PDB file of N, CA and C in Angstrom:
ATOM      1  N   MET A   1     -61.381 -30.904 -21.841  1.00  0.00           N
ATOM      2  CA  MET A   1     -62.039 -30.330 -22.808  1.00  0.00           C
ATOM      3  C   MET A   1     -61.952 -28.936 -22.303  1.00  0.00           C
ATOM      4  N   ALA A   2     -61.453 -27.894 -22.867  1.00  0.00           N
ATOM      5  CA  ALA A   2     -61.513 -26.368 -22.497  1.00  0.00           C
ATOM      6  C   ALA A   2     -62.508 -25.556 -22.958  1.00  0.00           C
ATOM      7  N   TYR A   3     -62.755 -24.985 -22.905  1.00  0.00           N
ATOM      8  CA  TYR A   3     -63.902 -23.902 -23.537  1.00  0.00           C
ATOM      9  C   TYR A   3     -63.141 -22.890 -24.607  1.00  0.00           C
ATOM     10  N   LYS A   4     -63.723 -22.479 -25.246  1.00  0.00           N
ATOM     11  CA  LYS A   4     -63.609 -21.607 -26.056  1.00  0.00           C
ATOM     12  C   LYS A   4     -64.367 -20.067 -26.683  1.00  0.00           C
ATOM     13  N   ILE A   5     -64.045 -18.934 -26.646  1.00  0.00           N
ATOM     14  CA  ILE A   5     -64.522 -18.002 -26.944  1.00  0.00           C
ATOM     15  C   ILE A   5     -64.840 -17.538 -28.141  1.00  0.00           C
ATOM     16  N   SER A   6     -66.066 -17.877 -28.941  1.00  0.00           N
ATOM     17  CA  SER A   6     -65.813 -17.811 -30.257  1.00  0.00           C
ATOM     18  C   SER A   6     -66.253 -15.809 -30.917  1.00  0.00           C
ATOM     19  N   ASP A   7     -66.396 -15.572 -32.152  1.00  0.00           N
ATOM     20  CA  ASP A   7     -66.214 -14.505 -32.502  1.00  0.00           C
ATOM     21  C   ASP A   7     -67.634 -13.366 -32.089  1.00  0.00           C
ATOM     22  N   ALA A   8     -68.558 -14.316 -31.896  1.00  0.00           N
ATOM     23  CA  ALA A   8     -69.811 -13.953 -31.509  1.00  0.00           C
ATOM     24  C   ALA A   8     -68.949 -13.145 -29.648  1.00  0.00           C
ATOM     25  N   CYS A   9     -68.357 -13.047 -29.357  1.00  0.00           N
ATOM     26  CA  CYS A   9     -68.090 -12.457 -27.762  1.00  0.00           C
ATOM     27  C   CYS A   9     -68.213 -10.324 -28.328  1.00  0.00           C
ATOM     28  N   LEU A  10     -69.059 -10.394 -27.024  1.00  0.00           N
ATOM     29  CA  LEU A  10     -69.460  -9.108 -26.969  1.00  0.00           C
ATOM     30  C   LEU A  10     -68.510  -8.407 -26.153  1.00  0.00           C
ATOM     31  N   ALA A  11     -67.422  -8.958 -25.329  1.00  0.00           N
ATOM     32  CA  ALA A  11     -66.215  -8.402 -24.835  1.00  0.00           C
ATOM     33  C   ALA A  11     -67.206  -7.538 -23.308  1.00  0.00           C
ATOM     34  N   CYS A  12     -68.553  -8.155 -23.020  1.00  0.00           N
ATOM     35  CA  CYS A  12     -69.045  -7.233 -21.624  1.00  0.00           C
ATOM     36  C   CYS A  12     -68.208  -7.869 -20.768  1.00  0.00           C
ATOM     37  N   GLY A  13     -67.651  -8.740 -20.872  1.00  0.00           N
ATOM     38  CA  GLY A  13     -66.641  -8.945 -19.452  1.00  0.00           C
ATOM     39  C   GLY A  13     -67.669  -9.819 -17.815  1.00  0.00           C
ATOM     40  N   SER A  14     -68.805 -10.265 -18.384  1.00  0.00           N
ATOM     41  CA  SER A  14     -69.580 -11.090 -17.605  1.00  0.00           C
ATOM     42  C   SER A  14     -69.240 -12.104 -17.112  1.00  0.00           C
ATOM     43  N   CYS A  15     -68.397 -12.743 -18.091  1.00  0.00           N
ATOM     44  CA  CYS A  15     -67.330 -14.190 -17.908  1.00  0.00           C
ATOM     45  C   CYS A  15     -66.615 -13.990 -16.772  1.00  0.00           C
ATOM     46  N   VAL A  16     -65.477 -12.817 -16.859  1.00  0.00           N
ATOM     47  CA  VAL A  16     -64.485 -12.772 -15.938  1.00  0.00           C
ATOM     48  C   VAL A  16     -64.463 -13.303 -14.601  1.00  0.00           C
ATOM     49  N   PRO A  17     -65.664 -12.429 -14.176  1.00  0.00           N
ATOM     50  CA  PRO A  17     -66.061 -12.996 -12.451  1.00  0.00           C
ATOM     51  C   PRO A  17     -66.245 -14.124 -12.685  1.00  0.00           C
ATOM     52  N   GLU A  18     -67.089 -15.056 -12.966  1.00  0.00           N
ATOM     53  CA  GLU A  18     -67.256 -15.993 -13.499  1.00  0.00           C
ATOM     54  C   GLU A  18     -65.901 -17.386 -12.974  1.00  0.00           C
ATOM     55  N   CYS A  19     -64.982 -17.175 -13.924  1.00  0.00           N
ATOM     56  CA  CYS A  19     -64.342 -18.057 -13.754  1.00  0.00           C
ATOM     57  C   CYS A  19     -63.145 -18.038 -12.768  1.00  0.00           C
ATOM     58  N   PRO A  20     -63.514 -19.460 -12.040  1.00  0.00           N
ATOM     59  CA  PRO A  20     -62.975 -19.540 -10.316  1.00  0.00           C
ATOM     60  C   PRO A  20     -61.471 -19.601 -10.574  1.00  0.00           C
ATOM     61  N   VAL A  21     -60.811 -20.298 -11.774  1.00  0.00           N
ATOM     62  CA  VAL A  21     -59.458 -20.146 -12.092  1.00  0.00           C
ATOM     63  C   VAL A  21     -58.441 -19.152 -12.907  1.00  0.00           C
ATOM     64  N   GLY A  22     -59.574 -18.138 -12.700  1.00  0.00           N
ATOM     65  CA  GLY A  22     -58.773 -17.042 -13.606  1.00  0.00           C
ATOM     66  C   GLY A  22     -57.981 -17.011 -15.031  1.00  0.00           C
ATOM     67  N   ALA A  23     -58.903 -17.761 -16.073  1.00  0.00           N
ATOM     68  CA  ALA A  23     -58.503 -18.134 -17.219  1.00  0.00           C
ATOM     69  C   ALA A  23     -58.806 -17.175 -18.368  1.00  0.00           C
ATOM     70  N   ILE A  24     -59.724 -16.281 -18.303  1.00  0.00           N
ATOM     71  CA  ILE A  24     -60.234 -15.370 -19.450  1.00  0.00           C
ATOM     72  C   ILE A  24     -59.210 -14.349 -18.553  1.00  0.00           C
ATOM     73  N   SER A  25     -59.251 -13.566 -20.531  1.00  0.00           N
ATOM     74  CA  SER A  25     -58.423 -13.118 -20.744  1.00  0.00           C
ATOM     75  C   SER A  25     -58.983 -11.707 -21.480  1.00  0.00           C
ATOM     76  N   GLU A  26     -59.060 -10.457 -20.580  1.00  0.00           N
ATOM     77  CA  GLU A  26     -59.704  -9.467 -21.896  1.00  0.00           C
ATOM     78  C   GLU A  26     -59.097  -9.277 -22.941  1.00  0.00           C
ATOM     79  N   GLY A  27     -59.750  -9.001 -24.191  1.00  0.00           N
ATOM     80  CA  GLY A  27     -59.604  -8.601 -25.436  1.00  0.00           C
ATOM     81  C   GLY A  27     -60.642  -8.473 -26.155  1.00  0.00           C
ATOM     82  N   GLU A  28     -60.653  -8.823 -27.977  1.00  0.00           N
ATOM     83  CA  GLU A  28     -61.614  -8.422 -28.623  1.00  0.00           C
ATOM     84  C   GLU A  28     -61.589  -9.619 -29.315  1.00  0.00           C
ATOM     85  N   PRO A  29     -62.209 -11.155 -29.225  1.00  0.00           N
ATOM     86  CA  PRO A  29     -62.552 -11.395 -28.685  1.00  0.00           C
ATOM     87  C   PRO A  29     -61.927 -11.577 -27.395  1.00  0.00           C
ATOM     88  N   TYR A  30     -62.323 -12.150 -25.818  1.00  0.00           N
ATOM     89  CA  TYR A  30     -61.789 -12.293 -25.154  1.00  0.00           C
ATOM     90  C   TYR A  30     -61.098 -14.028 -24.893  1.00  0.00           C
ATOM     91  N   THR A  31     -60.392 -14.204 -23.974  1.00  0.00           N
ATOM     92  CA  THR A  31     -59.631 -15.887 -24.599  1.00  0.00           C
ATOM     93  C   THR A  31     -59.743 -16.328 -23.482  1.00  0.00           C
ATOM     94  N   ILE A  32     -59.675 -17.468 -23.520  1.00  0.00           N
ATOM     95  CA  ILE A  32     -59.790 -18.733 -22.605  1.00  0.00           C
ATOM     96  C   ILE A  32     -57.938 -19.120 -22.481  1.00  0.00           C
ATOM     97  N   ASP A  33     -57.669 -19.121 -21.300  1.00  0.00           N
ATOM     98  CA  ASP A  33     -55.891 -20.092 -21.203  1.00  0.00           C
ATOM     99  C   ASP A  33     -56.797 -21.697 -21.414  1.00  0.00           C
ATOM    100  N   GLU A  34     -56.588 -22.672 -22.421  1.00  0.00           N
ATOM    101  CA  GLU A  34     -56.974 -23.635 -22.289  1.00  0.00           C
ATOM    102  C   GLU A  34     -56.322 -24.309 -20.956  1.00  0.00           C
ATOM    103  N   GLY A  35     -54.773 -24.047 -20.753  1.00  0.00           N
ATOM    104  CA  GLY A  35     -54.600 -25.062 -19.646  1.00  0.00           C
ATOM    105  C   GLY A  35     -54.552 -24.462 -18.580  1.00  0.00           C
ATOM    106  N   LYS A  36     -55.324 -23.063 -18.312  1.00  0.00           N
ATOM    107  CA  LYS A  36     -55.838 -22.810 -16.919  1.00  0.00           C
ATOM    108  C   LYS A  36     -57.164 -23.896 -16.895  1.00  0.00           C
ATOM    109  N   CYS A  37     -57.838 -23.441 -18.061  1.00  0.00           N
ATOM    110  CA  CYS A  37     -59.212 -24.172 -17.620  1.00  0.00           C
ATOM    111  C   CYS A  37     -59.669 -25.237 -16.948  1.00  0.00           C
ATOM    112  N   SER A  38     -60.985 -25.083 -16.348  1.00  0.00           N
ATOM    113  CA  SER A  38     -61.252 -26.154 -15.183  1.00  0.00           C
ATOM    114  C   SER A  38     -62.504 -26.938 -16.218  1.00  0.00           C
ATOM    115  N   ASP A  39     -62.894 -26.472 -17.007  1.00  0.00           N
ATOM    116  CA  ASP A  39     -63.651 -26.934 -17.818  1.00  0.00           C
ATOM    117  C   ASP A  39     -65.226 -27.166 -16.903  1.00  0.00           C
ATOM    118  N   CYS A  40     -65.722 -26.283 -16.195  1.00  0.00           N
ATOM    119  CA  CYS A  40     -66.624 -26.070 -15.274  1.00  0.00           C
ATOM    120  C   CYS A  40     -67.954 -25.614 -15.843  1.00  0.00           C
ATOM    121  N   GLY A  41     -67.837 -24.770 -16.546  1.00  0.00           N
ATOM    122  CA  GLY A  41     -68.947 -24.026 -17.371  1.00  0.00           C
ATOM    123  C   GLY A  41     -69.323 -23.194 -16.795  1.00  0.00           C
ATOM    124  N   ALA A  42     -68.880 -22.288 -15.895  1.00  0.00           N
ATOM    125  CA  ALA A  42     -68.945 -21.237 -15.411  1.00  0.00           C
ATOM    126  C   ALA A  42     -69.251 -19.728 -16.231  1.00  0.00           C
ATOM    127  N   CYS A  43     -68.451 -19.860 -16.898  1.00  0.00           N
ATOM    128  CA  CYS A  43     -68.702 -18.705 -18.292  1.00  0.00           C
ATOM    129  C   CYS A  43     -69.753 -18.875 -19.158  1.00  0.00           C
ATOM    130  N   ALA A  44     -69.606 -20.158 -19.674  1.00  0.00           N
ATOM    131  CA  ALA A  44     -70.853 -20.632 -20.605  1.00  0.00           C
ATOM    132  C   ALA A  44     -72.282 -20.149 -19.915  1.00  0.00           C
ATOM    133  N   GLU A  45     -71.898 -20.535 -18.588  1.00  0.00           N
ATOM    134  CA  GLU A  45     -73.631 -20.455 -18.091  1.00  0.00           C
ATOM    135  C   GLU A  45     -74.035 -18.724 -18.279  1.00  0.00           C
ATOM    136  N   THR A  46     -72.630 -17.924 -18.281  1.00  0.00           N
ATOM    137  CA  THR A  46     -73.164 -16.288 -18.015  1.00  0.00           C
ATOM    138  C   THR A  46     -73.374 -15.897 -19.297  1.00  0.00           C
ATOM    139  N   CYS A  47     -72.839 -16.120 -20.056  1.00  0.00           N
ATOM    140  CA  CYS A  47     -72.655 -15.156 -21.397  1.00  0.00           C
ATOM    141  C   CYS A  47     -73.832 -14.859 -22.142  1.00  0.00           C
ATOM    142  N   PRO A  48     -74.078 -13.805 -22.385  1.00  0.00           N
ATOM    143  CA  PRO A  48     -75.383 -13.524 -23.342  1.00  0.00           C
ATOM    144  C   PRO A  48     -75.304 -13.540 -24.524  1.00  0.00           C
ATOM    145  N   ALA A  49     -73.748 -13.800 -25.162  1.00  0.00           N
ATOM    146  CA  ALA A  49     -73.809 -13.547 -26.337  1.00  0.00           C
ATOM    147  C   ALA A  49     -74.144 -15.202 -26.921  1.00  0.00           C
ATOM    148  N   GLU A  50     -73.928 -16.334 -25.625  1.00  0.00           N
ATOM    149  CA  GLU A  50     -73.561 -17.746 -26.250  1.00  0.00           C
ATOM    150  C   GLU A  50     -72.878 -18.228 -26.638  1.00  0.00           C
ATOM    151  N   ALA A  51     -71.677 -16.892 -26.352  1.00  0.00           N
ATOM    152  CA  ALA A  51     -70.271 -17.068 -27.323  1.00  0.00           C
ATOM    153  C   ALA A  51     -68.997 -18.501 -26.684  1.00  0.00           C
ATOM    154  N   ILE A  52     -69.482 -18.750 -25.565  1.00  0.00           N
ATOM    155  CA  ILE A  52     -68.453 -19.679 -25.173  1.00  0.00           C
ATOM    156  C   ILE A  52     -68.868 -21.156 -25.190  1.00  0.00           C
ATOM    157  N   ALA A  53     -68.310 -22.070 -25.583  1.00  0.00           N
ATOM    158  CA  ALA A  53     -68.326 -23.674 -26.216  1.00  0.00           C
ATOM    159  C   ALA A  53     -67.215 -24.235 -26.186  1.00  0.00           C
ATOM    160  N   HIS A  54     -67.195 -25.869 -26.253  1.00  0.00           N
ATOM    161  CA  HIS A  54     -65.841 -26.622 -25.754  1.00  0.00           C
ATOM    162  C   HIS A  54     -65.413 -26.109 -27.140  1.00  0.00           C
ATOM    163  N   ALA A  55     -63.725 -26.139 -27.005  1.00  0.00           N
ATOM    164  CA  ALA A  55     -63.319 -25.872 -27.711  1.00  0.00           C
ATOM    165  C   ALA A  55     -63.632 -27.512 -28.328  1.00  0.00           C
TER     166      ALA A  55
END
């Protein structure tokens, strides 16, 4: 199950370097490519807004 970024996203960018497969794209809110997401959870652990969770 891939992760998804909610509207609570602050667009701070802290999740982008944590993604080992480059699945996160910038935007408002940022988005995660479900096809690339490896379900590791690194992005969710680093999100200060707790905006990332399983889809």
